[in-house]
Amino acid sequence: MLSKRFIPRFIPRVVPIGVLALALGACGQSNEKRAVAACEKAIAAKLAGKGFDLDQKDMLAKAKADGDNVIALNSSVVFDKSLPSESKQTFDCRVQFDPKNPSAEPAVQALQFTW
């Protein structure tokens, strides 16, 4: 059992850490991460029924602001990963955020594959 003398020393150390964790959790996802998720969703819809793989870290690293409320990114999609028929294609994706409703899902303005 904890002594009464231990608790006052314990609380000042733990409370700031808990408050910081709650504050960081409330921040949510960055717009870049939200743009990557929107592009992934659009690619999955366009390539439905095909085996493909996306590199989220690469997509996130290449996400850049492209005007007001727009994020553009380019990366590559790998088809049939680890198979003899494996191939890669690059793509460009542009995502727009609604400034009037920042929490709304961003809209994919353009998705273009370089075949």
Protein backbone atom coordinates (compact mmCIF):
# COMPACT_ATOMS: atom_id res chain seq x y z
CA MET A 1 0.00 0.00 0.00
CA LEU A 2 1.23 3.50 -0.80
CA SER A 3 2.11 5.75 2.07
CA LYS A 4 0.59 9.20 2.35
CA ARG A 5 4.05 10.73 1.98
CA PHE A 6 4.57 8.98 -1.40
CA ILE A 7 1.35 10.23 -3.04
CA PRO A 8 2.11 13.99 -2.90
CA ARG A 9 5.50 13.39 -4.55
CA PHE A 10 3.97 11.05 -7.13
CA ILE A 11 1.15 13.31 -8.35
CA PRO A 12 3.25 16.28 -9.56
CA ARG A 13 5.28 13.92 -11.73
CA VAL A 14 2.44 11.93 -13.25
CA VAL A 15 -0.20 14.60 -13.84
CA PRO A 16 1.83 16.67 -16.37
CA ILE A 17 2.60 13.52 -18.36
CA GLY A 18 -1.09 12.58 -18.42
CA VAL A 19 -2.12 16.07 -19.49
CA LEU A 20 0.47 16.06 -22.27
CA ALA A 21 -0.72 12.67 -23.52
CA LEU A 22 -4.33 13.87 -23.60
CA ALA A 23 -3.36 17.06 -25.41
CA LEU A 24 -1.42 15.18 -28.07
CA GLY A 25 -4.25 12.69 -28.51
CA ALA A 26 -6.71 15.50 -29.08
CA CYS A 27 -4.64 16.88 -31.95
CA GLY A 28 -5.82 14.12 -34.27
CA GLN A 29 -4.27 13.43 -37.62
CA SER A 30 -2.29 15.96 -39.58
CA ASN A 31 -3.66 17.16 -42.92
CA GLU A 32 -0.84 15.29 -44.65
CA LYS A 33 -1.93 12.01 -43.03
CA ARG A 34 -5.54 12.74 -43.93
CA ALA A 35 -4.48 13.42 -47.54
CA VAL A 36 -2.60 10.11 -47.68
CA ALA A 37 -5.68 8.28 -46.37
CA ALA A 38 -7.93 9.98 -48.95
CA CYS A 39 -5.54 9.06 -51.78
CA GLU A 40 -5.31 5.48 -50.55
CA LYS A 41 -9.08 5.23 -50.56
CA ALA A 42 -9.33 6.64 -54.10
CA ILE A 43 -6.61 4.29 -55.36
CA ALA A 44 -8.30 1.28 -53.75
CA ALA A 45 -11.58 2.21 -55.46
CA LYS A 46 -9.88 2.65 -58.84
CA LEU A 47 -7.89 -0.59 -58.56
CA ALA A 48 -10.63 -2.74 -57.04
CA GLY A 49 -9.99 -6.42 -57.66
CA LYS A 50 -6.25 -5.99 -58.30
CA GLY A 51 -3.41 -6.90 -55.98
CA PHE A 52 -1.42 -3.79 -55.07
CA ASP A 53 0.65 -2.29 -52.29
CA LEU A 54 1.18 1.33 -51.24
CA ASP A 55 3.96 2.77 -49.10
CA GLN A 56 2.28 5.13 -46.63
CA LYS A 57 5.61 6.45 -45.32
CA ASP A 58 6.75 7.36 -48.83
CA MET A 59 3.41 8.99 -49.59
CA LEU A 60 3.56 10.99 -46.36
CA ALA A 61 7.15 12.07 -47.00
CA LYS A 62 6.19 13.38 -50.44
CA ALA A 63 3.00 15.19 -49.38
CA LYS A 64 3.35 18.93 -50.00
CA ALA A 65 1.09 21.95 -49.78
CA ASP A 66 0.00 23.02 -53.25
CA GLY A 67 -2.01 26.19 -52.80
CA ASP A 68 -4.77 27.02 -50.36
CA ASN A 69 -6.19 23.96 -48.63
CA VAL A 70 -4.64 21.59 -51.20
CA ILE A 71 -2.05 18.88 -50.62
CA ALA A 72 -0.37 17.12 -53.54
CA LEU A 73 1.61 13.93 -53.33
CA ASN A 74 3.20 11.44 -55.64
CA SER A 75 4.46 7.97 -55.00
CA SER A 76 4.30 4.56 -56.57
CA VAL A 77 1.94 1.64 -56.41
CA VAL A 78 3.37 -1.88 -56.57
CA PHE A 79 1.32 -4.53 -58.34
CA ASP A 80 1.74 -8.22 -57.47
CA LYS A 81 4.40 -7.52 -54.85
CA SER A 82 6.96 -10.32 -54.40
CA LEU A 83 5.70 -12.18 -57.47
CA PRO A 84 7.52 -12.66 -60.79
CA SER A 85 4.96 -10.32 -62.39
CA GLU A 86 5.68 -7.48 -59.90
CA SER A 87 5.52 -4.03 -61.47
CA LYS A 88 5.48 -0.41 -60.26
CA GLN A 89 3.57 2.60 -61.49
CA THR A 90 3.85 6.15 -60.25
CA PHE A 91 0.83 8.26 -59.43
CA ASP A 92 -0.02 11.84 -58.58
CA CYS A 93 -2.83 12.69 -56.19
CA ARG A 94 -4.25 16.09 -55.23
CA VAL A 95 -6.50 16.47 -52.21
CA GLN A 96 -8.51 19.53 -51.19
CA PHE A 97 -9.70 20.38 -47.69
CA ASP A 98 -12.88 22.32 -47.01
CA PRO A 99 -11.88 25.50 -45.12
CA LYS A 100 -15.46 25.93 -43.89
CA ASN A 101 -15.49 22.41 -42.43
CA PRO A 102 -11.89 21.46 -41.53
CA SER A 103 -12.93 18.18 -39.89
CA ALA A 104 -14.66 16.93 -43.05
CA GLU A 105 -13.00 14.22 -45.11
CA PRO A 106 -10.82 15.82 -47.79
CA ALA A 107 -11.89 15.47 -51.42
CA VAL A 108 -9.59 13.96 -54.02
CA GLN A 109 -9.42 16.51 -56.86
CA ALA A 110 -7.22 14.45 -59.15
CA LEU A 111 -5.69 10.99 -59.27
CA GLN A 112 -3.46 10.22 -62.22
CA PHE A 113 -1.39 7.11 -62.90
CA THR A 114 1.68 7.32 -65.10
CA TRP A 115 1.35 4.11 -67.09
